[in-house]
Amino acid sequence: MHCQRQGRSTERTVTAIRNALPEVTALEAWRLALGWSRADTVAQISDLYRADGLIPPGPSQSMLCRWEHHPHDWPGQEYTAMLCRAYGARPVQLGLSRAGGDAFDGLGLGAKIRYGRADAEACEAPARERVVAMTTSTGLPAVRESLHLALLADPAGSSAVAELAEAAVEHYALNYSKHPPHTLFTEVRTARNLLTEALTTHTIEETVAAEMRRSIGWLSALLGNLAFHLDDTSGARAHLTTAGTYGTRTADARLTAWACGAQSMVARATGQYARALTHAEQGLIHAPAGLARAQLHAWAQLPALAGQGRADEADAALAAAGRELEADTVGEAPGRFGFDAAEYALHEAEAHLSLGRTEQATARAEVSASHVPAGTPGWAASTLVLAQAEAALRPADAAQRALDVLERVPTARLRSTSRARLVRLDTALATTPAAGVDDLHERVRSLLPAINDHGDATSA
């Protein structure tokens, strides 16, 4: 009722309902957002059948209740299409993409139904939408299971186990942004435990053991970053210290440098800029020339100096990052451990923002946002930095950008860094009488924590 009085869209009302009541499924939340009873939904679907010149076959209220409350009891394709038409939503918005919804996500809301099938012309999705990506929740367990099977075949390890462990690290790193942090954390931890158990219970050939320890180090680095994005700074420090230790032991300079950079990021998040700078400088000692060194300059050294207000030295760090990038023959690398133009522009924008250079911050944040797909964590970060830069002169635009992030990015996928940017923006706009500011304040205030007081993760 409050959302309706505020004139919010159905989708935004759904978000508010699920933020307040995470146990409510998406399908039920859409019905509640429309103000409908189950009888109303059944009547609406029956009317749609009649409009198509068909005799309504159902569904019943009890069927709808099961669909809303039992995640494994899904409607078929025909009813999925009808629910989408009745609610004015896509299958993925209703949480029904697994109920044949991948093939229906391009569904036009005017699509007609023939008993047992959707109208092919109206419902046929583009080829890309019909593909089930193996980097989703189905792909994660498969990687861990393959590692487990390899260790069952060779409990004392082998070159194949070492290679598979390296492939697992690569998979988790490349697809880091495609999963809610708590989901990926569980998989990475399980993979690390499999390798640790093998190392501690068997005598393993040293060359194989060294490669397995290297993978354990990189998995620890991932766990540290994931813990940080779940707002667990003490856990992040523990995992990243482990990663650095394994980097030193295996003589992996890149791992050691990256772990130092991540520790700098964690220290910076708690306002410890001197400590952050120390970690950054330690990382630069180990970082190989080129991309890795550019990342340490831009990701760790630059923001630590900017946070201390050391403008000239911050500019020097930025220039150093630029030189290292230009000298690198590749120029960028994907994934959590990689570095690219979007991340470079983001760090530059935040540094300018810290130093009070709003025009430069705006320009670089726009560049960063233009390099990443909307709705991704990178897009959320650059959009919120852009909103912070706009807050003083264009508060309504800033508030709307933040609301757009909250609409496009599910709560479970909001990293601690984006949550912190939202809080800073909300604080900056607190006394500004501009459109969207009150709405943003309410959304930020009601935002569920990534991990609640009982240790439960926000639902995806």
Protein backbone atom coordinates (compact mmCIF):
# COMPACT_ATOMS: atom_id res chain seq x y z
CA MET A 1 0.00 0.00 0.00
CA HIS A 2 2.86 2.37 0.79
CA CYS A 3 4.47 1.68 -2.58
CA GLN A 4 1.18 2.27 -4.37
CA ARG A 5 0.74 5.60 -2.58
CA GLN A 6 4.25 6.54 -3.71
CA GLY A 7 3.31 5.68 -7.30
CA ARG A 8 6.02 3.04 -7.65
CA SER A 9 6.11 0.52 -10.46
CA THR A 10 5.09 -3.07 -9.82
CA GLU A 11 8.70 -4.20 -10.17
CA ARG A 12 9.92 -1.74 -7.55
CA THR A 13 7.07 -2.78 -5.24
CA VAL A 14 8.17 -6.40 -5.66
CA THR A 15 11.70 -5.42 -4.67
CA ALA A 16 10.44 -3.64 -1.56
CA ILE A 17 8.34 -6.66 -0.56
CA ARG A 18 11.22 -9.10 -0.99
CA ASN A 19 13.67 -6.82 0.84
CA ALA A 20 11.28 -6.67 3.80
CA LEU A 21 10.22 -10.34 3.58
CA PRO A 22 12.98 -12.44 1.97
CA GLU A 23 10.98 -15.64 2.51
CA VAL A 24 8.41 -14.46 -0.05
CA THR A 25 9.13 -15.94 -3.49
CA ALA A 26 9.29 -13.75 -6.58
CA LEU A 27 6.11 -15.30 -7.98
CA GLU A 28 4.11 -14.56 -4.83
CA ALA A 29 5.63 -11.09 -4.48
CA TRP A 30 4.40 -10.08 -7.96
CA ARG A 31 0.85 -11.11 -7.06
CA LEU A 32 1.02 -9.21 -3.79
CA ALA A 33 2.51 -6.15 -5.51
CA LEU A 34 -0.49 -6.08 -7.84
CA GLY A 35 -2.83 -6.34 -4.86
CA TRP A 36 -4.36 -9.57 -6.17
CA SER A 37 -5.66 -12.60 -4.33
CA ARG A 38 -4.99 -16.04 -5.81
CA ALA A 39 -8.59 -16.05 -7.00
CA ASP A 40 -7.88 -12.80 -8.87
CA THR A 41 -4.89 -14.37 -10.63
CA VAL A 42 -6.88 -17.45 -11.62
CA ALA A 43 -9.65 -15.19 -12.98
CA GLN A 44 -7.16 -13.10 -14.95
CA ILE A 45 -5.64 -16.20 -16.56
CA SER A 46 -9.10 -17.52 -17.40
CA ASP A 47 -9.91 -14.21 -19.09
CA LEU A 48 -6.72 -14.50 -21.15
CA TYR A 49 -7.73 -17.94 -22.36
CA ARG A 50 -11.17 -16.63 -23.33
CA ALA A 51 -9.59 -13.69 -25.15
CA ASP A 52 -7.64 -16.24 -27.21
CA GLY A 53 -10.90 -18.05 -28.04
CA LEU A 54 -10.10 -21.01 -25.78
CA ILE A 55 -11.92 -22.73 -22.94
CA PRO A 56 -10.05 -22.00 -19.67
CA PRO A 57 -8.46 -25.20 -18.27
CA GLY A 58 -7.35 -23.64 -14.99
CA PRO A 59 -5.12 -23.23 -12.99
CA SER A 60 -6.70 -23.63 -9.58
CA GLN A 61 -5.86 -21.62 -6.48
CA SER A 62 -4.18 -24.67 -4.91
CA MET A 63 -1.94 -25.06 -7.97
CA LEU A 64 -0.91 -21.41 -7.74
CA CYS A 65 -0.22 -21.83 -4.02
CA ARG A 66 2.12 -24.76 -4.72
CA TRP A 67 3.95 -22.81 -7.41
CA GLU A 68 4.45 -19.89 -5.03
CA HIS A 69 5.68 -21.91 -2.07
CA HIS A 70 7.45 -24.99 -3.41
CA PRO A 71 10.56 -24.18 -5.49
CA HIS A 72 10.54 -27.64 -7.12
CA ASP A 73 6.87 -27.54 -8.12
CA TRP A 74 6.99 -25.39 -11.26
CA PRO A 75 4.22 -24.52 -13.69
CA GLY A 76 4.61 -25.84 -17.24
CA GLN A 77 5.50 -23.67 -20.21
CA GLU A 78 1.88 -22.85 -21.02
CA TYR A 79 1.03 -21.62 -17.53
CA THR A 80 4.39 -19.85 -17.28
CA ALA A 81 3.49 -17.85 -20.38
CA MET A 82 0.01 -17.10 -19.03
CA LEU A 83 1.36 -15.95 -15.65
CA CYS A 84 3.78 -13.64 -17.46
CA ARG A 85 0.93 -12.14 -19.49
CA ALA A 86 -1.30 -11.76 -16.43
CA TYR A 87 1.38 -10.10 -14.30
CA GLY A 88 3.09 -8.15 -17.10
CA ALA A 89 6.45 -9.71 -16.27
CA ARG A 90 9.16 -11.92 -17.76
CA PRO A 91 9.77 -15.48 -16.49
CA VAL A 92 13.07 -14.51 -14.87
CA GLN A 93 11.32 -11.74 -12.91
CA LEU A 94 8.79 -14.25 -11.59
CA GLY A 95 11.53 -16.71 -10.67
CA LEU A 96 10.25 -19.13 -13.31
CA SER A 97 13.17 -19.18 -15.72
CA ARG A 98 13.95 -22.74 -14.64
CA ALA A 99 10.40 -23.78 -15.48
CA GLY A 100 11.09 -23.64 -19.17
CA GLY A 101 11.49 -19.91 -18.78
CA ASP A 102 14.86 -19.70 -20.49
CA ALA A 103 13.08 -20.49 -23.71
CA PHE A 104 10.35 -18.00 -22.84
CA ASP A 105 12.37 -15.04 -21.62
CA GLY A 106 11.94 -13.36 -24.97
CA LEU A 107 8.19 -13.91 -24.68
CA GLY A 108 5.99 -11.14 -25.94
CA LEU A 109 3.22 -10.41 -23.46
CA GLY A 110 0.66 -10.68 -26.24
CA ALA A 111 1.71 -14.23 -27.14
CA LYS A 112 -1.20 -16.61 -27.65
CA ILE A 113 -1.38 -20.10 -26.22
CA ARG A 114 -2.55 -23.28 -27.88
CA TYR A 115 -3.18 -26.18 -25.55
CA GLY A 116 0.10 -27.86 -24.67
CA ARG A 117 2.41 -25.40 -26.45
CA ALA A 118 3.20 -21.72 -26.75
CA ASP A 119 2.70 -20.03 -30.09
CA ALA A 120 6.09 -20.63 -31.72
CA GLU A 121 6.35 -17.32 -33.56
CA ALA A 122 5.41 -15.25 -30.54
CA CYS A 123 7.52 -17.11 -28.00
CA GLU A 124 10.65 -18.14 -29.89
CA ALA A 125 13.66 -16.61 -28.13
CA PRO A 126 16.90 -15.56 -29.79
CA ALA A 127 19.53 -18.29 -29.91
CA ARG A 128 21.61 -16.69 -27.17
CA GLU A 129 18.65 -16.68 -24.78
CA ARG A 130 17.98 -20.38 -25.40
CA VAL A 131 21.49 -21.37 -24.33
CA VAL A 132 21.89 -22.49 -20.71
CA ALA A 133 25.20 -20.98 -19.60
CA MET A 134 27.52 -23.40 -17.81
CA THR A 135 28.88 -20.59 -15.67
CA THR A 136 25.68 -20.49 -13.62
CA SER A 137 24.89 -22.53 -10.51
CA THR A 138 24.91 -25.70 -12.66
CA GLY A 139 28.52 -25.15 -13.70
CA LEU A 140 29.96 -24.45 -10.25
CA PRO A 141 29.26 -27.85 -8.63
CA ALA A 142 30.40 -29.63 -11.78
CA VAL A 143 33.89 -28.12 -11.48
CA ARG A 144 34.15 -29.11 -7.82
CA GLU A 145 32.83 -32.61 -8.59
CA SER A 146 35.45 -33.09 -11.32
CA LEU A 147 38.20 -32.17 -8.88
CA HIS A 148 36.76 -34.60 -6.35
CA LEU A 149 36.62 -37.41 -8.92
CA ALA A 150 40.22 -36.78 -9.94
CA LEU A 151 41.31 -37.06 -6.31
CA LEU A 152 39.33 -40.26 -5.87
CA ALA A 153 41.23 -41.70 -8.82
CA ASP A 154 44.60 -40.37 -7.57
CA PRO A 155 44.32 -39.76 -3.80
CA ALA A 156 48.03 -38.95 -3.59
CA GLY A 157 47.74 -36.41 -6.37
CA SER A 158 49.04 -36.40 -9.92
CA SER A 159 49.85 -34.01 -12.72
CA ALA A 160 46.20 -34.35 -13.81
CA VAL A 161 44.99 -33.32 -10.33
CA ALA A 162 47.34 -30.33 -10.34
CA GLU A 163 46.13 -29.29 -13.79
CA LEU A 164 42.48 -29.67 -12.78
CA ALA A 165 43.06 -27.61 -9.64
CA GLU A 166 44.55 -24.85 -11.78
CA ALA A 167 41.56 -25.06 -14.13
CA ALA A 168 39.18 -24.76 -11.14
CA VAL A 169 40.95 -21.59 -9.98
CA GLU A 170 40.69 -20.18 -13.50
CA HIS A 171 36.98 -21.03 -13.71
CA TYR A 172 36.17 -19.39 -10.38
CA ALA A 173 38.24 -16.30 -11.21
CA LEU A 174 36.85 -15.81 -14.72
CA ASN A 175 33.25 -16.22 -13.56
CA TYR A 176 33.61 -14.43 -10.24
CA SER A 177 31.07 -11.72 -11.09
CA LYS A 178 28.43 -14.12 -12.37
CA HIS A 179 27.56 -15.59 -8.98
CA PRO A 180 26.31 -14.25 -5.63
CA PRO A 181 29.41 -14.05 -3.41
CA HIS A 182 28.07 -16.47 -0.77
CA THR A 183 27.36 -19.13 -3.42
CA LEU A 184 30.84 -18.92 -4.91
CA PHE A 185 32.43 -18.83 -1.45
CA THR A 186 31.00 -22.27 -0.62
CA GLU A 187 32.30 -23.81 -3.84
CA VAL A 188 35.78 -22.30 -3.58
CA ARG A 189 36.11 -23.37 0.05
CA THR A 190 35.08 -26.93 -0.78
CA ALA A 191 37.63 -27.10 -3.60
CA ARG A 192 40.36 -25.80 -1.29
CA ASN A 193 39.43 -28.39 1.36
CA LEU A 194 39.73 -31.19 -1.19
CA LEU A 195 43.28 -30.15 -2.05
CA THR A 196 44.24 -29.55 1.59
CA GLU A 197 43.01 -32.97 2.65
CA ALA A 198 45.03 -34.65 -0.09
CA LEU A 199 48.18 -32.78 0.93
CA THR A 200 47.82 -33.55 4.63
CA THR A 201 46.88 -37.22 4.35
CA HIS A 202 49.14 -38.49 1.56
CA THR A 203 52.78 -38.37 0.54
CA ILE A 204 52.73 -36.46 -2.74
CA GLU A 205 55.50 -36.00 -5.26
CA GLU A 206 57.05 -32.58 -4.59
CA THR A 207 56.51 -31.11 -8.05
CA VAL A 208 52.81 -32.03 -7.89
CA ALA A 209 52.52 -30.86 -4.27
CA ALA A 210 54.04 -27.49 -5.20
CA GLU A 211 51.42 -26.94 -7.90
CA MET A 212 48.64 -27.98 -5.53
CA ARG A 213 49.92 -25.53 -2.91
CA ARG A 214 49.95 -22.80 -5.53
CA SER A 215 46.29 -23.52 -6.31
CA ILE A 216 45.48 -23.49 -2.59
CA GLY A 217 47.05 -20.03 -2.44
CA TRP A 218 44.95 -18.71 -5.30
CA LEU A 219 41.79 -20.29 -3.86
CA SER A 220 42.61 -18.55 -0.55
CA ALA A 221 42.95 -15.28 -2.44
CA LEU A 222 39.48 -15.80 -3.91
CA LEU A 223 38.06 -16.60 -0.48
CA GLY A 224 39.59 -13.40 0.88
CA ASN A 225 38.03 -11.30 -1.85
CA LEU A 226 34.67 -13.05 -1.43
CA ALA A 227 34.74 -12.56 2.35
CA PHE A 228 35.43 -8.87 1.78
CA HIS A 229 32.51 -8.58 -0.64
CA LEU A 230 30.35 -10.23 2.04
CA ASP A 231 31.48 -7.50 4.49
CA ASP A 232 33.61 -9.88 6.56
CA THR A 233 36.83 -7.88 6.85
CA SER A 234 38.46 -10.04 9.54
CA GLY A 235 37.79 -13.20 7.51
CA ALA A 236 39.13 -11.46 4.42
CA ARG A 237 42.38 -10.58 6.21
CA ALA A 238 42.82 -14.18 7.36
CA HIS A 239 42.31 -15.67 3.90
CA LEU A 240 44.47 -13.06 2.17
CA THR A 241 47.30 -13.57 4.67
CA THR A 242 47.14 -17.29 3.85
CA ALA A 243 47.22 -16.48 0.15
CA GLY A 244 50.30 -14.31 0.60
CA THR A 245 52.03 -17.02 2.62
CA TYR A 246 51.43 -19.62 -0.09
CA GLY A 247 52.52 -17.14 -2.73
CA THR A 248 55.85 -16.69 -0.95
CA ARG A 249 56.31 -20.42 -0.35
CA THR A 250 55.64 -21.33 -3.98
CA ALA A 251 57.63 -18.36 -5.32
CA ASP A 252 54.53 -17.10 -7.14
CA ALA A 253 55.25 -13.36 -7.27
CA ARG A 254 51.93 -12.60 -8.95
CA LEU A 255 49.97 -14.29 -6.15
CA THR A 256 52.00 -12.53 -3.46
CA ALA A 257 51.52 -9.16 -5.14
CA TRP A 258 47.79 -9.67 -5.67
CA ALA A 259 47.26 -10.74 -2.06
CA CYS A 260 49.02 -7.55 -0.90
CA GLY A 261 46.80 -5.47 -3.19
CA ALA A 262 43.68 -7.11 -1.79
CA GLN A 263 44.89 -6.55 1.78
CA SER A 264 45.37 -2.88 0.87
CA MET A 265 41.77 -2.78 -0.34
CA VAL A 266 40.50 -4.28 2.92
CA ALA A 267 42.50 -1.84 5.05
CA ARG A 268 41.26 1.08 2.97
CA ALA A 269 37.64 0.04 3.50
CA THR A 270 38.09 0.49 7.24
CA GLY A 271 39.80 3.87 6.86
CA GLN A 272 43.33 2.59 7.56
CA TYR A 273 45.04 4.45 4.73
CA ALA A 274 48.59 4.26 6.12
CA ARG A 275 48.27 0.50 6.48
CA ALA A 276 46.71 0.29 3.03
CA LEU A 277 49.67 2.14 1.54
CA THR A 278 52.13 -0.20 3.28
CA HIS A 279 50.37 -3.23 1.75
CA ALA A 280 50.35 -1.52 -1.65
CA GLU A 281 54.09 -0.83 -1.53
CA GLN A 282 54.79 -4.41 -0.46
CA GLY A 283 52.74 -5.62 -3.40
CA LEU A 284 54.68 -3.42 -5.80
CA ILE A 285 57.93 -5.00 -4.62
CA HIS A 286 56.68 -8.39 -5.83
CA ALA A 287 54.48 -7.40 -8.80
CA PRO A 288 55.83 -8.42 -12.21
CA ALA A 289 56.16 -5.63 -14.77
CA GLY A 290 53.23 -4.76 -17.00
CA LEU A 291 49.63 -5.56 -16.18
CA ALA A 292 50.23 -6.88 -12.65
CA ARG A 293 52.22 -3.81 -11.67
CA ALA A 294 49.70 -1.47 -13.31
CA GLN A 295 46.96 -3.08 -11.22
CA LEU A 296 48.88 -2.57 -7.96
CA HIS A 297 49.51 1.10 -8.80
CA ALA A 298 45.85 1.79 -9.68
CA TRP A 299 43.98 -0.58 -7.34
CA ALA A 300 46.10 -0.23 -4.20
CA GLN A 301 48.64 2.61 -4.23
CA LEU A 302 46.50 5.27 -5.97
CA PRO A 303 43.41 5.10 -3.70
CA ALA A 304 45.53 4.87 -0.55
CA LEU A 305 47.37 8.08 -1.47
CA ALA A 306 44.16 9.81 -2.58
CA GLY A 307 42.50 8.85 0.69
CA GLN A 308 45.32 10.65 2.52
CA GLY A 309 44.87 13.73 0.33
CA ARG A 310 48.34 13.35 -1.25
CA ALA A 311 47.31 14.61 -4.66
CA ASP A 312 50.72 14.90 -6.34
CA GLU A 313 51.79 11.42 -5.27
CA ALA A 314 48.40 10.03 -6.32
CA ASP A 315 48.86 11.55 -9.77
CA ALA A 316 52.32 9.97 -9.94
CA ALA A 317 50.86 6.56 -9.07
CA LEU A 318 48.22 6.98 -11.77
CA ALA A 319 50.87 7.93 -14.32
CA ALA A 320 52.92 4.88 -13.31
CA ALA A 321 49.91 2.65 -13.85
CA GLY A 322 49.41 4.16 -17.29
CA ARG A 323 53.03 3.54 -18.25
CA GLU A 324 52.88 -0.09 -17.13
CA LEU A 325 49.69 -0.62 -19.13
CA GLU A 326 51.23 0.87 -22.25
CA ALA A 327 54.29 -1.33 -21.87
CA ASP A 328 52.23 -4.51 -21.52
CA THR A 329 51.88 -6.34 -24.82
CA VAL A 330 48.37 -7.63 -23.97
CA GLY A 331 46.99 -4.56 -22.22
CA GLU A 332 44.23 -6.25 -20.22
CA ALA A 333 43.14 -9.59 -18.76
CA PRO A 334 39.68 -10.82 -17.72
CA GLY A 335 38.48 -12.19 -14.40
CA ARG A 336 38.96 -11.48 -10.72
CA PHE A 337 42.74 -11.52 -10.96
CA GLY A 338 42.82 -9.59 -14.22
CA PHE A 339 42.83 -5.87 -14.96
CA ASP A 340 41.20 -3.91 -17.76
CA ALA A 341 40.18 -0.45 -18.96
CA ALA A 342 36.94 -0.43 -16.97
CA GLU A 343 38.69 -1.18 -13.66
CA TYR A 344 41.47 1.31 -14.43
CA ALA A 345 38.92 4.08 -15.10
CA LEU A 346 36.97 3.16 -11.96
CA HIS A 347 39.99 3.49 -9.68
CA GLU A 348 40.91 6.76 -11.37
CA ALA A 349 37.35 8.09 -10.89
CA GLU A 350 37.30 7.21 -7.19
CA ALA A 351 40.70 8.80 -6.66
CA HIS A 352 39.52 12.03 -8.29
CA LEU A 353 36.39 11.89 -6.13
CA SER A 354 38.47 11.53 -2.95
CA LEU A 355 40.57 14.53 -4.03
CA GLY A 356 37.50 16.68 -4.73
CA ARG A 357 37.87 16.67 -8.52
CA THR A 358 34.25 16.02 -9.40
CA GLU A 359 34.48 16.82 -13.12
CA GLN A 360 37.33 14.38 -13.66
CA ALA A 361 35.58 11.80 -11.48
CA THR A 362 32.40 12.13 -13.53
CA ALA A 363 34.22 11.73 -16.83
CA ARG A 364 36.20 8.66 -15.76
CA ALA A 365 33.20 7.00 -14.09
CA GLU A 366 31.24 7.39 -17.33
CA VAL A 367 34.11 5.75 -19.23
CA SER A 368 34.18 2.86 -16.75
CA ALA A 369 30.42 2.31 -16.97
CA SER A 370 30.53 2.31 -20.76
CA HIS A 371 32.98 -0.63 -20.77
CA VAL A 372 30.84 -3.06 -18.76
CA PRO A 373 27.37 -4.63 -19.23
CA ALA A 374 24.53 -3.05 -17.26
CA GLY A 375 23.55 -4.96 -14.14
CA THR A 376 27.01 -6.40 -13.47
CA PRO A 377 29.04 -5.63 -10.31
CA GLY A 378 31.46 -3.49 -12.32
CA TRP A 379 28.59 -1.48 -13.77
CA ALA A 380 27.09 -1.03 -10.30
CA ALA A 381 30.43 0.24 -8.95
CA SER A 382 31.04 2.77 -11.73
CA THR A 383 27.40 3.93 -11.74
CA LEU A 384 27.46 4.59 -7.99
CA VAL A 385 30.77 6.47 -8.25
CA LEU A 386 29.20 8.54 -11.03
CA ALA A 387 26.19 9.18 -8.78
CA GLN A 388 28.49 10.33 -5.96
CA ALA A 389 30.22 12.74 -8.32
CA GLU A 390 26.85 14.14 -9.44
CA ALA A 391 25.34 14.40 -5.96
CA ALA A 392 26.18 18.06 -5.28
CA LEU A 393 25.06 19.57 -8.62
CA ARG A 394 22.51 17.01 -9.92
CA PRO A 395 21.04 15.29 -6.86
CA ALA A 396 17.94 13.98 -8.66
CA ASP A 397 20.11 12.31 -11.32
CA ALA A 398 22.35 10.87 -8.64
CA ALA A 399 19.41 9.41 -6.72
CA GLN A 400 17.92 7.92 -9.87
CA ARG A 401 21.21 6.26 -10.81
CA ALA A 402 21.39 4.63 -7.40
CA LEU A 403 17.75 3.50 -7.62
CA ASP A 404 18.55 2.03 -11.04
CA VAL A 405 21.35 -0.01 -9.47
CA LEU A 406 18.97 -1.29 -6.79
CA GLU A 407 16.45 -2.26 -9.46
CA ARG A 408 18.92 -4.07 -11.71
CA VAL A 409 21.17 -5.79 -9.17
CA PRO A 410 19.56 -8.35 -6.82
CA THR A 411 20.29 -7.84 -3.14
CA ALA A 412 22.26 -11.10 -2.96
CA ARG A 413 24.65 -9.81 -5.64
CA LEU A 414 25.30 -6.40 -4.07
CA ARG A 415 28.90 -6.42 -2.88
CA SER A 416 30.01 -4.70 0.32
CA THR A 417 31.76 -2.09 -1.84
CA SER A 418 28.53 -1.14 -3.62
CA ARG A 419 26.64 -1.12 -0.33
CA ALA A 420 29.24 1.27 1.11
CA ARG A 421 28.92 3.56 -1.93
CA LEU A 422 25.13 3.53 -1.55
CA VAL A 423 25.43 4.54 2.11
CA ARG A 424 27.86 7.36 1.29
CA LEU A 425 25.59 8.64 -1.45
CA ASP A 426 22.52 8.44 0.79
CA THR A 427 24.36 10.43 3.45
CA ALA A 428 25.45 13.05 0.92
CA LEU A 429 21.87 13.49 -0.30
CA ALA A 430 20.23 13.33 3.14
CA THR A 431 19.29 17.02 3.34
CA THR A 432 18.68 17.55 -0.39
CA PRO A 433 15.03 18.07 -1.43
CA ALA A 434 15.30 16.37 -4.83
CA ALA A 435 13.19 13.78 -6.62
CA GLY A 436 14.03 10.23 -5.66
CA VAL A 437 16.06 11.11 -2.56
CA ASP A 438 13.41 9.95 -0.07
CA ASP A 439 12.86 6.79 -2.06
CA LEU A 440 16.58 6.07 -2.10
CA HIS A 441 16.84 6.67 1.63
CA GLU A 442 14.07 4.16 2.29
CA ARG A 443 15.62 1.59 -0.04
CA VAL A 444 19.05 1.92 1.56
CA ARG A 445 17.58 1.81 5.06
CA SER A 446 15.64 -1.38 4.32
CA LEU A 447 18.48 -3.08 2.43
CA LEU A 448 19.08 -6.54 3.85
CA PRO A 449 22.66 -7.27 4.98
CA ALA A 450 24.66 -9.72 2.87
CA ILE A 451 24.90 -11.97 5.94
CA ASN A 452 22.37 -11.53 8.75
CA ASP A 453 22.86 -11.85 12.51
CA HIS A 454 22.17 -15.58 12.31
CA GLY A 455 24.85 -16.15 9.70
CA ASP A 456 22.39 -16.67 6.85
CA ALA A 457 23.12 -15.22 3.41
CA THR A 458 20.64 -13.01 1.58
CA SER A 459 18.60 -15.09 -0.88
CA ALA A 460 19.59 -14.87 -4.53
